[in-house]
Amino acid sequence: MSLDGQTDDAIRTAFAATKRIALVGASAKPWRASHEVMRFLLDRGFDVTPVNPILAGQTIHGKTVVATLTDAGPLEMVDVFRNTTHVGPLIDTAIRLGAKTIWMQLGVVDQDAAAKARAAGLTVFMDRCPVIEDRRLQLFRH
């Protein structure tokens, strides 16, 4: 079983129910994983809003970067490319904004924040990458 306890069907369901994604920790650097994942999600038809206060107002993959998660609403999924220490406050904001899914990227694990999100009705994925999950499960038509 995975670290987050989620099944392959839960991953399929989450992406099928998602149109708008806020990607927190977006980077304009092409060699960064967040840059690659954002391009991957855009190429699969998702409306992705990059979130990074340092880059606010700039564009990544043609999308304007916003400073905060609040500025990225409305949204359904929050994809987190931040250090685990930042997850708790992001969860609070995601709950307030009505997000349905929290996706914590590889290496991002916060069981307490995940429990809080689940208690609020959100689906939580931890220590996962959508690109890897797509390769494994063939989630999206290429």
N, C-alpha and C. Protein backbone atom coordinates (compact mmCIF):
# COMPACT_ATOMS: atom_id res chain seq x y z
N MET A 1 0.85 -1.19 0.00
CA MET A 1 0.00 0.00 0.00
C MET A 1 0.88 1.24 0.00
N SER A 2 0.39 2.27 -0.65
CA SER A 2 1.14 3.52 -0.76
C SER A 2 1.14 4.28 0.56
N LEU A 3 2.03 5.23 0.64
CA LEU A 3 2.18 6.06 1.83
C LEU A 3 0.88 6.80 2.16
N ASP A 4 0.15 7.20 1.13
CA ASP A 4 -1.09 7.96 1.34
C ASP A 4 -2.33 7.07 1.46
N GLY A 5 -2.17 5.77 1.25
CA GLY A 5 -3.29 4.85 1.37
C GLY A 5 -4.26 4.89 0.19
N GLN A 6 -3.91 5.60 -0.86
CA GLN A 6 -4.82 5.75 -2.00
C GLN A 6 -4.64 4.63 -3.02
N THR A 7 -5.72 4.33 -3.71
CA THR A 7 -5.71 3.30 -4.73
C THR A 7 -5.52 3.93 -6.12
N ASP A 8 -5.24 3.07 -7.07
CA ASP A 8 -5.15 3.53 -8.46
C ASP A 8 -6.48 4.13 -8.92
N ASP A 9 -7.57 3.52 -8.50
CA ASP A 9 -8.89 4.06 -8.87
C ASP A 9 -9.11 5.45 -8.29
N ALA A 10 -8.60 5.70 -7.10
CA ALA A 10 -8.74 7.04 -6.50
C ALA A 10 -7.98 8.07 -7.34
N ILE A 11 -6.83 7.70 -7.86
CA ILE A 11 -6.07 8.61 -8.71
C ILE A 11 -6.85 8.90 -9.98
N ARG A 12 -7.38 7.86 -10.61
CA ARG A 12 -8.17 8.05 -11.83
C ARG A 12 -9.38 8.95 -11.57
N THR A 13 -10.07 8.70 -10.48
CA THR A 13 -11.26 9.47 -10.13
C THR A 13 -10.91 10.94 -9.89
N ALA A 14 -9.84 11.18 -9.16
CA ALA A 14 -9.43 12.57 -8.86
C ALA A 14 -9.14 13.34 -10.13
N PHE A 15 -8.40 12.76 -11.05
CA PHE A 15 -8.09 13.48 -12.28
C PHE A 15 -9.30 13.62 -13.18
N ALA A 16 -10.18 12.65 -13.18
CA ALA A 16 -11.39 12.74 -14.00
C ALA A 16 -12.30 13.86 -13.52
N ALA A 17 -12.25 14.17 -12.22
CA ALA A 17 -13.11 15.19 -11.63
C ALA A 17 -12.45 16.57 -11.58
N THR A 18 -11.27 16.69 -12.15
CA THR A 18 -10.49 17.92 -12.04
C THR A 18 -10.35 18.63 -13.37
N LYS A 19 -10.57 19.93 -13.32
CA LYS A 19 -10.31 20.78 -14.49
C LYS A 19 -9.28 21.85 -14.14
N ARG A 20 -9.41 22.44 -12.92
CA ARG A 20 -8.54 23.55 -12.52
C ARG A 20 -7.59 23.12 -11.41
N ILE A 21 -6.31 23.38 -11.65
CA ILE A 21 -5.26 23.00 -10.71
C ILE A 21 -4.41 24.22 -10.38
N ALA A 22 -4.16 24.42 -9.09
CA ALA A 22 -3.18 25.43 -8.65
C ALA A 22 -1.89 24.68 -8.37
N LEU A 23 -0.82 25.08 -9.03
CA LEU A 23 0.48 24.44 -8.84
C LEU A 23 1.33 25.35 -7.98
N VAL A 24 1.44 24.99 -6.70
CA VAL A 24 2.13 25.82 -5.72
C VAL A 24 3.62 25.46 -5.69
N GLY A 25 4.44 26.48 -5.90
CA GLY A 25 5.88 26.27 -5.99
C GLY A 25 6.33 26.17 -7.43
N ALA A 26 5.55 26.77 -8.32
CA ALA A 26 5.87 26.75 -9.75
C ALA A 26 7.23 27.41 -9.98
N SER A 27 7.94 26.89 -10.98
CA SER A 27 9.25 27.43 -11.31
C SER A 27 9.34 27.74 -12.80
N ALA A 28 10.03 28.83 -13.11
CA ALA A 28 10.28 29.19 -14.51
C ALA A 28 11.52 28.48 -15.06
N LYS A 29 12.21 27.75 -14.20
CA LYS A 29 13.43 27.05 -14.60
C LYS A 29 13.06 25.71 -15.25
N PRO A 30 13.38 25.53 -16.52
CA PRO A 30 12.96 24.32 -17.24
C PRO A 30 13.46 23.01 -16.64
N TRP A 31 14.53 23.04 -15.89
CA TRP A 31 15.08 21.81 -15.32
C TRP A 31 14.40 21.42 -14.00
N ARG A 32 13.52 22.25 -13.50
CA ARG A 32 12.82 21.94 -12.25
C ARG A 32 11.60 21.06 -12.51
N ALA A 33 11.35 20.14 -11.60
CA ALA A 33 10.23 19.21 -11.76
C ALA A 33 8.90 19.95 -11.87
N SER A 34 8.71 21.02 -11.12
CA SER A 34 7.43 21.74 -11.18
C SER A 34 7.19 22.31 -12.57
N HIS A 35 8.23 22.73 -13.24
CA HIS A 35 8.12 23.26 -14.60
C HIS A 35 7.65 22.16 -15.55
N GLU A 36 8.27 21.00 -15.44
CA GLU A 36 7.92 19.87 -16.30
C GLU A 36 6.49 19.38 -16.01
N VAL A 37 6.14 19.26 -14.74
CA VAL A 37 4.81 18.77 -14.39
C VAL A 37 3.73 19.75 -14.84
N MET A 38 3.99 21.04 -14.72
CA MET A 38 3.01 22.02 -15.18
C MET A 38 2.77 21.86 -16.68
N ARG A 39 3.83 21.73 -17.45
CA ARG A 39 3.68 21.53 -18.90
C ARG A 39 2.90 20.25 -19.19
N PHE A 40 3.20 19.18 -18.48
CA PHE A 40 2.51 17.90 -18.61
C PHE A 40 1.01 18.08 -18.38
N LEU A 41 0.64 18.75 -17.29
CA LEU A 41 -0.78 18.95 -16.96
C LEU A 41 -1.47 19.83 -18.00
N LEU A 42 -0.82 20.89 -18.42
CA LEU A 42 -1.40 21.75 -19.46
C LEU A 42 -1.61 20.96 -20.75
N ASP A 43 -0.64 20.16 -21.12
CA ASP A 43 -0.74 19.37 -22.35
C ASP A 43 -1.87 18.35 -22.29
N ARG A 44 -2.31 18.01 -21.09
CA ARG A 44 -3.42 17.07 -20.94
C ARG A 44 -4.76 17.76 -20.72
N GLY A 45 -4.77 19.07 -20.94
CA GLY A 45 -6.03 19.81 -20.94
C GLY A 45 -6.45 20.43 -19.63
N PHE A 46 -5.61 20.37 -18.62
CA PHE A 46 -5.96 20.99 -17.35
C PHE A 46 -5.68 22.49 -17.41
N ASP A 47 -6.48 23.26 -16.68
CA ASP A 47 -6.26 24.69 -16.54
C ASP A 47 -5.41 24.87 -15.29
N VAL A 48 -4.13 25.13 -15.48
CA VAL A 48 -3.18 25.18 -14.38
C VAL A 48 -2.78 26.62 -14.10
N THR A 49 -2.90 27.02 -12.84
CA THR A 49 -2.45 28.34 -12.41
C THR A 49 -1.19 28.18 -11.58
N PRO A 50 -0.06 28.73 -12.04
CA PRO A 50 1.17 28.65 -11.26
C PRO A 50 1.13 29.64 -10.09
N VAL A 51 1.61 29.15 -8.93
CA VAL A 51 1.62 29.97 -7.71
C VAL A 51 3.06 30.07 -7.21
N ASN A 52 3.56 31.31 -7.13
CA ASN A 52 4.90 31.55 -6.61
C ASN A 52 5.02 33.06 -6.37
N PRO A 53 5.10 33.49 -5.11
CA PRO A 53 5.12 34.93 -4.83
C PRO A 53 6.32 35.65 -5.45
N ILE A 54 7.43 34.97 -5.63
CA ILE A 54 8.62 35.61 -6.20
C ILE A 54 8.44 35.88 -7.69
N LEU A 55 7.65 35.03 -8.37
CA LEU A 55 7.46 35.16 -9.81
C LEU A 55 6.12 35.78 -10.20
N ALA A 56 5.34 36.23 -9.22
CA ALA A 56 4.00 36.76 -9.49
C ALA A 56 4.04 37.82 -10.58
N GLY A 57 3.12 37.68 -11.54
CA GLY A 57 3.03 38.61 -12.66
C GLY A 57 3.78 38.14 -13.89
N GLN A 58 4.73 37.25 -13.72
CA GLN A 58 5.45 36.67 -14.86
C GLN A 58 4.59 35.55 -15.46
N THR A 59 5.05 34.97 -16.54
CA THR A 59 4.32 33.84 -17.12
C THR A 59 5.21 32.61 -17.18
N ILE A 60 4.57 31.47 -17.00
CA ILE A 60 5.20 30.16 -17.18
C ILE A 60 4.28 29.38 -18.10
N HIS A 61 4.81 28.90 -19.17
CA HIS A 61 4.02 28.15 -20.17
C HIS A 61 2.77 28.93 -20.59
N GLY A 62 2.91 30.25 -20.67
CA GLY A 62 1.80 31.09 -21.12
C GLY A 62 0.76 31.40 -20.05
N LYS A 63 0.97 30.95 -18.84
CA LYS A 63 0.03 31.20 -17.74
C LYS A 63 0.64 32.20 -16.77
N THR A 64 -0.16 33.17 -16.35
CA THR A 64 0.32 34.19 -15.42
C THR A 64 0.47 33.61 -14.02
N VAL A 65 1.63 33.84 -13.44
CA VAL A 65 1.91 33.37 -12.08
C VAL A 65 1.21 34.29 -11.08
N VAL A 66 0.57 33.69 -10.09
CA VAL A 66 -0.07 34.45 -9.01
C VAL A 66 0.75 34.28 -7.74
N ALA A 67 0.56 35.19 -6.81
CA ALA A 67 1.38 35.22 -5.60
C ALA A 67 0.95 34.20 -4.55
N THR A 68 -0.36 33.97 -4.44
CA THR A 68 -0.86 33.11 -3.36
C THR A 68 -1.87 32.10 -3.88
N LEU A 69 -2.09 31.09 -3.10
CA LEU A 69 -3.09 30.08 -3.44
C LEU A 69 -4.47 30.73 -3.55
N THR A 70 -4.75 31.68 -2.70
CA THR A 70 -6.04 32.39 -2.76
C THR A 70 -6.24 33.04 -4.12
N ASP A 71 -5.17 33.59 -4.69
CA ASP A 71 -5.25 34.24 -6.00
C ASP A 71 -5.50 33.24 -7.13
N ALA A 72 -5.30 31.96 -6.88
CA ALA A 72 -5.44 30.92 -7.91
C ALA A 72 -6.87 30.37 -8.01
N GLY A 73 -7.73 30.75 -7.09
CA GLY A 73 -9.10 30.22 -7.11
C GLY A 73 -9.90 30.78 -8.25
N PRO A 74 -10.98 30.12 -8.64
CA PRO A 74 -11.45 28.83 -8.09
C PRO A 74 -10.59 27.68 -8.60
N LEU A 75 -10.53 26.61 -7.84
CA LEU A 75 -9.70 25.47 -8.17
C LEU A 75 -10.32 24.19 -7.63
N GLU A 76 -9.85 23.08 -8.16
CA GLU A 76 -10.31 21.78 -7.66
C GLU A 76 -9.17 21.00 -7.02
N MET A 77 -7.97 21.16 -7.56
CA MET A 77 -6.80 20.44 -7.04
C MET A 77 -5.69 21.43 -6.73
N VAL A 78 -4.98 21.15 -5.64
CA VAL A 78 -3.79 21.91 -5.29
C VAL A 78 -2.61 20.93 -5.38
N ASP A 79 -1.68 21.23 -6.27
CA ASP A 79 -0.50 20.41 -6.48
C ASP A 79 0.66 21.13 -5.78
N VAL A 80 1.26 20.48 -4.79
CA VAL A 80 2.22 21.14 -3.91
C VAL A 80 3.66 20.74 -4.21
N PHE A 81 4.43 21.72 -4.66
CA PHE A 81 5.87 21.59 -4.86
C PHE A 81 6.58 22.46 -3.84
N ARG A 82 6.28 22.30 -2.60
CA ARG A 82 6.90 23.09 -1.53
C ARG A 82 7.42 22.14 -0.47
N ASN A 83 8.30 22.63 0.35
CA ASN A 83 8.81 21.86 1.47
C ASN A 83 7.65 21.48 2.39
N THR A 84 7.77 20.32 2.99
CA THR A 84 6.72 19.81 3.87
C THR A 84 6.31 20.81 4.94
N THR A 85 7.23 21.64 5.40
CA THR A 85 6.90 22.60 6.46
C THR A 85 5.84 23.61 6.02
N HIS A 86 5.61 23.76 4.73
CA HIS A 86 4.64 24.73 4.21
C HIS A 86 3.27 24.11 3.94
N VAL A 87 3.14 22.81 4.10
CA VAL A 87 1.90 22.13 3.70
C VAL A 87 0.72 22.50 4.59
N GLY A 88 0.91 22.57 5.88
CA GLY A 88 -0.20 22.85 6.81
C GLY A 88 -0.98 24.11 6.43
N PRO A 89 -0.32 25.25 6.29
CA PRO A 89 -1.05 26.46 5.91
C PRO A 89 -1.70 26.36 4.52
N LEU A 90 -1.06 25.64 3.61
CA LEU A 90 -1.67 25.45 2.29
C LEU A 90 -2.96 24.64 2.39
N ILE A 91 -2.96 23.65 3.26
CA ILE A 91 -4.17 22.83 3.47
C ILE A 91 -5.29 23.72 3.99
N ASP A 92 -4.98 24.57 4.95
CA ASP A 92 -6.01 25.47 5.50
C ASP A 92 -6.62 26.32 4.40
N THR A 93 -5.78 26.87 3.54
CA THR A 93 -6.27 27.70 2.44
C THR A 93 -7.06 26.87 1.43
N ALA A 94 -6.55 25.69 1.10
CA ALA A 94 -7.25 24.82 0.15
C ALA A 94 -8.65 24.46 0.65
N ILE A 95 -8.76 24.18 1.92
CA ILE A 95 -10.07 23.87 2.51
C ILE A 95 -10.99 25.08 2.37
N ARG A 96 -10.47 26.25 2.73
CA ARG A 96 -11.27 27.48 2.67
C ARG A 96 -11.73 27.78 1.24
N LEU A 97 -10.88 27.45 0.25
CA LEU A 97 -11.20 27.72 -1.15
C LEU A 97 -12.10 26.67 -1.79
N GLY A 98 -12.35 25.59 -1.07
CA GLY A 98 -13.22 24.55 -1.61
C GLY A 98 -12.55 23.55 -2.53
N ALA A 99 -11.23 23.40 -2.40
CA ALA A 99 -10.51 22.39 -3.19
C ALA A 99 -11.05 21.01 -2.87
N LYS A 100 -10.94 20.12 -3.82
CA LYS A 100 -11.39 18.74 -3.65
C LYS A 100 -10.23 17.78 -3.43
N THR A 101 -9.05 18.17 -3.94
CA THR A 101 -7.89 17.27 -3.91
C THR A 101 -6.63 18.03 -3.56
N ILE A 102 -5.80 17.40 -2.72
CA ILE A 102 -4.46 17.88 -2.43
C ILE A 102 -3.49 16.85 -2.99
N TRP A 103 -2.55 17.30 -3.79
CA TRP A 103 -1.56 16.42 -4.37
C TRP A 103 -0.19 16.91 -3.90
N MET A 104 0.47 16.13 -3.05
CA MET A 104 1.80 16.48 -2.57
C MET A 104 2.82 15.71 -3.40
N GLN A 105 3.75 16.42 -3.98
CA GLN A 105 4.72 15.83 -4.88
C GLN A 105 5.72 14.92 -4.15
N LEU A 106 6.55 14.27 -4.93
CA LEU A 106 7.56 13.37 -4.38
C LEU A 106 8.36 14.04 -3.27
N GLY A 107 8.47 13.35 -2.15
CA GLY A 107 9.21 13.87 -1.01
C GLY A 107 8.42 14.78 -0.10
N VAL A 108 7.20 15.13 -0.48
CA VAL A 108 6.37 16.01 0.35
C VAL A 108 5.36 15.13 1.10
N VAL A 109 5.57 15.02 2.42
CA VAL A 109 4.73 14.16 3.25
C VAL A 109 4.43 14.89 4.55
N ASP A 110 3.15 15.07 4.85
CA ASP A 110 2.72 15.68 6.11
C ASP A 110 1.45 14.97 6.54
N GLN A 111 1.60 13.97 7.38
CA GLN A 111 0.46 13.15 7.80
C GLN A 111 -0.57 13.97 8.59
N ASP A 112 -0.12 14.90 9.41
CA ASP A 112 -1.06 15.72 10.18
C ASP A 112 -1.91 16.60 9.26
N ALA A 113 -1.26 17.26 8.32
CA ALA A 113 -1.99 18.10 7.37
C ALA A 113 -2.92 17.25 6.51
N ALA A 114 -2.45 16.07 6.13
CA ALA A 114 -3.28 15.16 5.33
C ALA A 114 -4.52 14.75 6.10
N ALA A 115 -4.36 14.45 7.38
CA ALA A 115 -5.51 14.07 8.21
C ALA A 115 -6.51 15.22 8.32
N LYS A 116 -6.01 16.42 8.45
CA LYS A 116 -6.88 17.60 8.52
C LYS A 116 -7.65 17.77 7.20
N ALA A 117 -6.96 17.59 6.09
CA ALA A 117 -7.60 17.72 4.78
C ALA A 117 -8.67 16.63 4.60
N ARG A 118 -8.33 15.41 4.96
CA ARG A 118 -9.30 14.30 4.85
C ARG A 118 -10.53 14.56 5.72
N ALA A 119 -10.29 15.08 6.92
CA ALA A 119 -11.41 15.38 7.83
C ALA A 119 -12.34 16.43 7.23
N ALA A 120 -11.79 17.29 6.38
CA ALA A 120 -12.59 18.32 5.70
C ALA A 120 -13.19 17.81 4.39
N GLY A 121 -12.95 16.54 4.07
CA GLY A 121 -13.54 15.94 2.88
C GLY A 121 -12.69 15.95 1.63
N LEU A 122 -11.43 16.37 1.75
CA LEU A 122 -10.55 16.39 0.58
C LEU A 122 -9.89 15.04 0.38
N THR A 123 -9.60 14.72 -0.86
CA THR A 123 -8.80 13.55 -1.21
C THR A 123 -7.35 13.97 -1.19
N VAL A 124 -6.50 13.15 -0.58
CA VAL A 124 -5.09 13.51 -0.40
C VAL A 124 -4.18 12.45 -1.02
N PHE A 125 -3.25 12.95 -1.82
CA PHE A 125 -2.18 12.11 -2.37
C PHE A 125 -0.87 12.68 -1.87
N MET A 126 0.03 11.81 -1.42
CA MET A 126 1.32 12.26 -0.90
C MET A 126 2.45 11.47 -1.54
N ASP A 127 3.58 12.18 -1.70
CA ASP A 127 4.79 11.55 -2.21
C ASP A 127 4.54 10.90 -3.57
N ARG A 128 3.84 11.63 -4.44
CA ARG A 128 3.51 11.12 -5.78
C ARG A 128 3.72 12.21 -6.82
N CYS A 129 3.88 11.76 -8.05
CA CYS A 129 4.03 12.67 -9.18
C CYS A 129 3.03 12.28 -10.26
N PRO A 130 2.25 13.23 -10.78
CA PRO A 130 1.28 12.89 -11.83
C PRO A 130 1.93 12.30 -13.08
N VAL A 131 3.13 12.73 -13.41
CA VAL A 131 3.80 12.19 -14.59
C VAL A 131 4.11 10.71 -14.39
N ILE A 132 4.63 10.38 -13.22
CA ILE A 132 4.93 8.98 -12.92
C ILE A 132 3.66 8.15 -12.87
N GLU A 133 2.62 8.71 -12.25
CA GLU A 133 1.35 7.97 -12.16
C GLU A 133 0.74 7.75 -13.54
N ASP A 134 0.90 8.75 -14.43
CA ASP A 134 0.40 8.59 -15.79
C ASP A 134 1.15 7.47 -16.51
N ARG A 135 2.44 7.46 -16.37
CA ARG A 135 3.23 6.40 -17.02
C ARG A 135 2.85 5.03 -16.50
N ARG A 136 2.59 4.95 -15.21
CA ARG A 136 2.25 3.68 -14.58
C ARG A 136 0.84 3.23 -14.92
N LEU A 137 -0.11 4.17 -14.90
CA LEU A 137 -1.53 3.83 -15.06
C LEU A 137 -2.10 4.20 -16.42
N GLN A 138 -1.33 4.91 -17.24
CA GLN A 138 -1.82 5.41 -18.53
C GLN A 138 -3.15 6.16 -18.32
N LEU A 139 -3.08 7.19 -17.49
CA LEU A 139 -4.25 7.97 -17.13
C LEU A 139 -4.81 8.80 -18.28
N PHE A 140 -3.92 9.33 -19.09
CA PHE A 140 -4.33 10.27 -20.12
C PHE A 140 -3.94 9.74 -21.48
N ARG A 141 -4.77 10.02 -22.45
CA ARG A 141 -4.42 9.67 -23.84
C ARG A 141 -3.32 10.60 -24.29
N HIS A 142 -2.33 10.05 -24.92
CA HIS A 142 -1.18 10.86 -25.37
C HIS A 142 -1.27 11.15 -26.84
